[in-house]
């Protein structure tokens, strides 16, 4: 049996995008949630995060060792 894990990569991605203090969740997402773009209340904290780069980092993680985050990634 081969066991793959990438905790250092996950920590590096969180630090890179300033999300190291975020709250973890046991379940990645609720499939009933519909995400909508919020044009009214733009948060200055999230404007500094390059969206494409963050999604690419999560896609790599999903494809290599974390297939459990596939459903939330489809929504993003």
C-alpha atoms as a PDB file:
ATOM      1  CA  UNK A   1       0.000   0.000   0.000  1.00  0.00           C
ATOM      2  CA  UNK A   2       1.204   3.467  -0.857  1.00  0.00           C
ATOM      3  CA  UNK A   3       0.120   6.441   1.241  1.00  0.00           C
ATOM      4  CA  UNK A   4       0.496   9.966  -0.156  1.00  0.00           C
ATOM      5  CA  UNK A   5       0.171  13.130   1.876  1.00  0.00           C
ATOM      6  CA  UNK A   6       1.082  16.753   1.223  1.00  0.00           C
ATOM      7  CA  UNK A   7       0.785  18.653   4.519  1.00  0.00           C
ATOM      8  CA  UNK A   8       3.827  20.830   3.752  1.00  0.00           C
ATOM      9  CA  UNK A   9       2.406  21.780   0.343  1.00  0.00           C
ATOM     10  CA  UNK A  10      -0.951  22.662   1.929  1.00  0.00           C
ATOM     11  CA  UNK A  11       0.772  24.824   4.558  1.00  0.00           C
ATOM     12  CA  UNK A  12       2.852  26.543   1.851  1.00  0.00           C
ATOM     13  CA  UNK A  13      -0.248  27.323  -0.233  1.00  0.00           C
ATOM     14  CA  UNK A  14      -2.089  28.723   2.789  1.00  0.00           C
ATOM     15  CA  UNK A  15       0.874  30.931   3.725  1.00  0.00           C
ATOM     16  CA  UNK A  16       1.359  32.078   0.116  1.00  0.00           C
ATOM     17  CA  UNK A  17      -2.196  33.420  -0.055  1.00  0.00           C
ATOM     18  CA  UNK A  18      -2.336  34.669   3.556  1.00  0.00           C
ATOM     19  CA  UNK A  19      -4.888  32.078   4.666  1.00  0.00           C
ATOM     20  CA  UNK A  20      -2.864  30.305   7.371  1.00  0.00           C
ATOM     21  CA  UNK A  21      -5.346  31.486  10.042  1.00  0.00           C
ATOM     22  CA  UNK A  22      -8.453  30.153   8.275  1.00  0.00           C
ATOM     23  CA  UNK A  23     -10.799  27.714  10.009  1.00  0.00           C
ATOM     24  CA  UNK A  24     -10.548  24.068   8.868  1.00  0.00           C
ATOM     25  CA  UNK A  25     -13.610  21.994   8.074  1.00  0.00           C
ATOM     26  CA  UNK A  26     -14.187  18.248   8.285  1.00  0.00           C
ATOM     27  CA  UNK A  27     -16.428  18.329   5.216  1.00  0.00           C
ATOM     28  CA  UNK A  28     -15.089  20.308   2.245  1.00  0.00           C
ATOM     29  CA  UNK A  29     -18.456  21.766   1.153  1.00  0.00           C
ATOM     30  CA  UNK A  30     -22.198  21.485   0.931  1.00  0.00           C
ATOM     31  CA  UNK A  31     -23.319  20.607  -2.613  1.00  0.00           C
ATOM     32  CA  UNK A  32     -26.519  22.640  -2.188  1.00  0.00           C
ATOM     33  CA  UNK A  33     -24.568  25.912  -1.873  1.00  0.00           C
ATOM     34  CA  UNK A  34     -24.682  28.174  -4.922  1.00  0.00           C
ATOM     35  CA  UNK A  35     -21.835  30.675  -5.153  1.00  0.00           C
ATOM     36  CA  UNK A  36     -22.584  34.152  -6.509  1.00  0.00           C
ATOM     37  CA  UNK A  37     -20.244  36.995  -7.348  1.00  0.00           C
ATOM     38  CA  UNK A  38     -20.567  39.811  -4.818  1.00  0.00           C
ATOM     39  CA  UNK A  39     -20.002  43.170  -6.491  1.00  0.00           C
ATOM     40  CA  UNK A  40     -21.283  45.345  -3.625  1.00  0.00           C
ATOM     41  CA  UNK A  41     -19.079  44.446  -0.648  1.00  0.00           C
ATOM     42  CA  UNK A  42     -15.587  43.954  -1.999  1.00  0.00           C
ATOM     43  CA  UNK A  43     -13.277  42.880   0.824  1.00  0.00           C
ATOM     44  CA  UNK A  44      -9.810  44.460   0.663  1.00  0.00           C
ATOM     45  CA  UNK A  45      -8.268  41.337   2.221  1.00  0.00           C
ATOM     46  CA  UNK A  46      -9.365  39.046  -0.605  1.00  0.00           C
ATOM     47  CA  UNK A  47      -8.508  41.449  -3.441  1.00  0.00           C
ATOM     48  CA  UNK A  48      -4.797  40.734  -2.936  1.00  0.00           C
ATOM     49  CA  UNK A  49      -5.245  37.003  -3.643  1.00  0.00           C
ATOM     50  CA  UNK A  50      -4.569  36.089  -7.296  1.00  0.00           C
ATOM     51  CA  UNK A  51      -7.638  33.935  -8.012  1.00  0.00           C
ATOM     52  CA  UNK A  52      -6.213  31.938 -10.930  1.00  0.00           C
ATOM     53  CA  UNK A  53      -3.026  31.066  -9.064  1.00  0.00           C
ATOM     54  CA  UNK A  54      -4.939  30.017  -5.936  1.00  0.00           C
ATOM     55  CA  UNK A  55      -7.320  27.804  -7.947  1.00  0.00           C
ATOM     56  CA  UNK A  56      -4.385  26.257  -9.825  1.00  0.00           C
ATOM     57  CA  UNK A  57      -2.663  25.381  -6.554  1.00  0.00           C
ATOM     58  CA  UNK A  58      -5.828  23.733  -5.241  1.00  0.00           C
ATOM     59  CA  UNK A  59      -6.367  21.863  -8.538  1.00  0.00           C
ATOM     60  CA  UNK A  60      -2.856  20.397  -8.284  1.00  0.00           C
ATOM     61  CA  UNK A  61      -3.574  19.302  -4.718  1.00  0.00           C
ATOM     62  CA  UNK A  62      -6.922  17.793  -5.757  1.00  0.00           C
ATOM     63  CA  UNK A  63      -5.423  15.831  -8.643  1.00  0.00           C
ATOM     64  CA  UNK A  64      -2.432  14.492  -6.713  1.00  0.00           C
ATOM     65  CA  UNK A  65      -3.597  13.627  -3.205  1.00  0.00           C
ATOM     66  CA  UNK A  66      -6.957  15.170  -2.277  1.00  0.00           C
ATOM     67  CA  UNK A  67      -9.783  13.889  -4.513  1.00  0.00           C
ATOM     68  CA  UNK A  68     -12.173  14.709  -1.641  1.00  0.00           C
ATOM     69  CA  UNK A  69     -12.035  18.407  -2.565  1.00  0.00           C
ATOM     70  CA  UNK A  70     -13.181  17.803  -6.167  1.00  0.00           C
ATOM     71  CA  UNK A  71     -16.788  18.922  -5.584  1.00  0.00           C
ATOM     72  CA  UNK A  72     -15.885  22.319  -4.068  1.00  0.00           C
ATOM     73  CA  UNK A  73     -13.275  22.819  -6.794  1.00  0.00           C
ATOM     74  CA  UNK A  74     -15.921  22.311  -9.485  1.00  0.00           C
ATOM     75  CA  UNK A  75     -17.946  25.136  -7.933  1.00  0.00           C
ATOM     76  CA  UNK A  76     -14.949  27.456  -7.744  1.00  0.00           C
END
